[in-house]
Amino acid sequence: MATETAPGARMEQTGERVAGAHDETKWAPLTTEFWAMLGLVVAILIAAAISDSLNDIRAWTLVSIIGAAYIVSRGLAKCGTDHAPFVGRGHRRA
């Protein structure tokens, strides 16, 4: 006789078999922060190309600051995840 498991646990096991186990909160291009960062970087570089008051050094400094802020925000987002590398996945914690 087969052992009956909860539907939620079966769905988690099926999802991990199909997509693999993921530790990240969300894939980076699916986040709003990624698209906001990309839009700001493009806007700064376009403004630097057409503006006389925004020189290339200031533009690349701003791009670097935005990139660093994005990296920090992704690190903080991942910091809050429940990462347990040696615990069997697919088992709910109490």
C-alpha atoms as a PDB file:
ATOM      1  CA  MET A   1       0.000   0.000   0.000  1.00  0.00           C
ATOM      2  CA  ALA A   2       1.393   3.388  -0.971  1.00  0.00           C
ATOM      3  CA  THR A   3       2.028   5.985   1.688  1.00  0.00           C
ATOM      4  CA  GLU A   4      -0.270   9.021   1.390  1.00  0.00           C
ATOM      5  CA  THR A   5       1.508  12.405   1.582  1.00  0.00           C
ATOM      6  CA  ALA A   6       0.088  15.886   1.932  1.00  0.00           C
ATOM      7  CA  PRO A   7      -0.690  17.665  -1.355  1.00  0.00           C
ATOM      8  CA  GLY A   8       1.591  20.592  -0.440  1.00  0.00           C
ATOM      9  CA  ALA A   9       4.574  18.320   0.146  1.00  0.00           C
ATOM     10  CA  ARG A  10       3.928  16.501  -3.148  1.00  0.00           C
ATOM     11  CA  MET A  11       3.797  19.825  -5.000  1.00  0.00           C
ATOM     12  CA  GLU A  12       7.089  20.925  -3.442  1.00  0.00           C
ATOM     13  CA  GLN A  13       8.738  17.651  -4.442  1.00  0.00           C
ATOM     14  CA  THR A  14       7.367  17.919  -7.977  1.00  0.00           C
ATOM     15  CA  GLY A  15       8.517  21.541  -8.262  1.00  0.00           C
ATOM     16  CA  GLU A  16      12.029  20.668  -7.090  1.00  0.00           C
ATOM     17  CA  ARG A  17      12.245  17.776  -9.575  1.00  0.00           C
ATOM     18  CA  VAL A  18      11.132  19.993 -12.449  1.00  0.00           C
ATOM     19  CA  ALA A  19      12.906  23.273 -11.616  1.00  0.00           C
ATOM     20  CA  GLY A  20      15.563  22.164  -9.141  1.00  0.00           C
ATOM     21  CA  ALA A  21      16.089  23.442  -5.638  1.00  0.00           C
ATOM     22  CA  HIS A  22      16.669  27.201  -5.472  1.00  0.00           C
ATOM     23  CA  ASP A  23      18.102  29.146  -2.583  1.00  0.00           C
ATOM     24  CA  GLU A  24      17.621  32.594  -4.078  1.00  0.00           C
ATOM     25  CA  THR A  25      14.600  34.659  -3.193  1.00  0.00           C
ATOM     26  CA  LYS A  26      13.786  35.483  -6.797  1.00  0.00           C
ATOM     27  CA  TRP A  27      15.717  35.363 -10.046  1.00  0.00           C
ATOM     28  CA  ALA A  28      17.331  38.792 -10.497  1.00  0.00           C
ATOM     29  CA  PRO A  29      15.718  39.842 -13.831  1.00  0.00           C
ATOM     30  CA  LEU A  30      12.287  39.178 -12.325  1.00  0.00           C
ATOM     31  CA  THR A  31      12.706  41.846  -9.651  1.00  0.00           C
ATOM     32  CA  THR A  32      11.622  45.463  -9.819  1.00  0.00           C
ATOM     33  CA  GLU A  33      14.986  46.551  -8.414  1.00  0.00           C
ATOM     34  CA  PHE A  34      16.812  45.094 -11.420  1.00  0.00           C
ATOM     35  CA  TRP A  35      14.682  46.959 -13.950  1.00  0.00           C
ATOM     36  CA  ALA A  36      14.842  50.176 -11.921  1.00  0.00           C
ATOM     37  CA  MET A  37      18.638  49.902 -11.781  1.00  0.00           C
ATOM     38  CA  LEU A  38      18.860  49.176 -15.496  1.00  0.00           C
ATOM     39  CA  GLY A  39      16.580  52.124 -16.323  1.00  0.00           C
ATOM     40  CA  LEU A  40      18.595  54.504 -14.139  1.00  0.00           C
ATOM     41  CA  VAL A  41      21.897  53.371 -15.640  1.00  0.00           C
ATOM     42  CA  VAL A  42      20.587  53.834 -19.189  1.00  0.00           C
ATOM     43  CA  ALA A  43      19.119  57.249 -18.306  1.00  0.00           C
ATOM     44  CA  ILE A  44      22.408  58.419 -16.742  1.00  0.00           C
ATOM     45  CA  LEU A  45      24.475  57.248 -19.698  1.00  0.00           C
ATOM     46  CA  ILE A  46      22.119  58.888 -22.204  1.00  0.00           C
ATOM     47  CA  ALA A  47      22.122  62.097 -20.163  1.00  0.00           C
ATOM     48  CA  ALA A  48      25.931  62.048 -20.057  1.00  0.00           C
ATOM     49  CA  ALA A  49      26.075  61.595 -23.816  1.00  0.00           C
ATOM     50  CA  ILE A  50      23.809  64.554 -24.603  1.00  0.00           C
ATOM     51  CA  SER A  51      24.485  66.905 -21.676  1.00  0.00           C
ATOM     52  CA  ASP A  52      27.266  69.429 -21.334  1.00  0.00           C
ATOM     53  CA  SER A  53      27.026  69.642 -17.544  1.00  0.00           C
ATOM     54  CA  LEU A  54      27.229  65.892 -16.784  1.00  0.00           C
ATOM     55  CA  ASN A  55      30.739  64.723 -17.593  1.00  0.00           C
ATOM     56  CA  ASP A  56      31.804  61.110 -18.060  1.00  0.00           C
ATOM     57  CA  ILE A  57      33.574  60.795 -14.699  1.00  0.00           C
ATOM     58  CA  ARG A  58      30.471  61.896 -12.766  1.00  0.00           C
ATOM     59  CA  ALA A  59      28.224  59.658 -14.904  1.00  0.00           C
ATOM     60  CA  TRP A  60      30.345  56.544 -14.348  1.00  0.00           C
ATOM     61  CA  THR A  61      30.556  57.353 -10.629  1.00  0.00           C
ATOM     62  CA  LEU A  62      26.768  57.495 -10.457  1.00  0.00           C
ATOM     63  CA  VAL A  63      26.485  54.237 -12.408  1.00  0.00           C
ATOM     64  CA  SER A  64      28.936  52.593 -10.000  1.00  0.00           C
ATOM     65  CA  ILE A  65      26.987  53.833  -6.972  1.00  0.00           C
ATOM     66  CA  ILE A  66      23.722  52.516  -8.421  1.00  0.00           C
ATOM     67  CA  GLY A  67      25.352  49.162  -9.196  1.00  0.00           C
ATOM     68  CA  ALA A  68      26.780  48.895  -5.681  1.00  0.00           C
ATOM     69  CA  ALA A  69      23.406  49.798  -4.154  1.00  0.00           C
ATOM     70  CA  TYR A  70      21.760  47.078  -6.248  1.00  0.00           C
ATOM     71  CA  ILE A  71      24.308  44.504  -5.105  1.00  0.00           C
ATOM     72  CA  VAL A  72      23.729  45.477  -1.467  1.00  0.00           C
ATOM     73  CA  SER A  73      19.941  45.287  -1.899  1.00  0.00           C
ATOM     74  CA  ARG A  74      20.200  41.788  -3.423  1.00  0.00           C
ATOM     75  CA  GLY A  75      22.451  40.717  -0.572  1.00  0.00           C
ATOM     76  CA  LEU A  76      19.948  41.981   1.982  1.00  0.00           C
ATOM     77  CA  ALA A  77      17.127  40.203   0.151  1.00  0.00           C
ATOM     78  CA  LYS A  78      19.048  36.926   0.167  1.00  0.00           C
ATOM     79  CA  CYS A  79      20.019  37.429   3.799  1.00  0.00           C
ATOM     80  CA  GLY A  80      16.406  36.945   4.821  1.00  0.00           C
ATOM     81  CA  THR A  81      15.952  33.623   3.025  1.00  0.00           C
ATOM     82  CA  ASP A  82      15.748  30.338   4.857  1.00  0.00           C
ATOM     83  CA  HIS A  83      18.954  28.781   3.546  1.00  0.00           C
ATOM     84  CA  ALA A  84      19.849  25.387   4.951  1.00  0.00           C
ATOM     85  CA  PRO A  85      22.304  23.599   2.642  1.00  0.00           C
ATOM     86  CA  PHE A  86      22.423  20.295   4.530  1.00  0.00           C
ATOM     87  CA  VAL A  87      18.732  19.923   5.384  1.00  0.00           C
ATOM     88  CA  GLY A  88      16.700  17.768   3.010  1.00  0.00           C
ATOM     89  CA  ARG A  89      14.553  19.978   0.820  1.00  0.00           C
ATOM     90  CA  GLY A  90      10.858  19.305   0.396  1.00  0.00           C
ATOM     91  CA  HIS A  91      10.223  18.925   4.115  1.00  0.00           C
ATOM     92  CA  ARG A  92       8.289  21.629   5.874  1.00  0.00           C
ATOM     93  CA  ARG A  93       9.725  23.004   9.062  1.00  0.00           C
ATOM     94  CA  ALA A  94       7.511  23.341  12.073  1.00  0.00           C
END
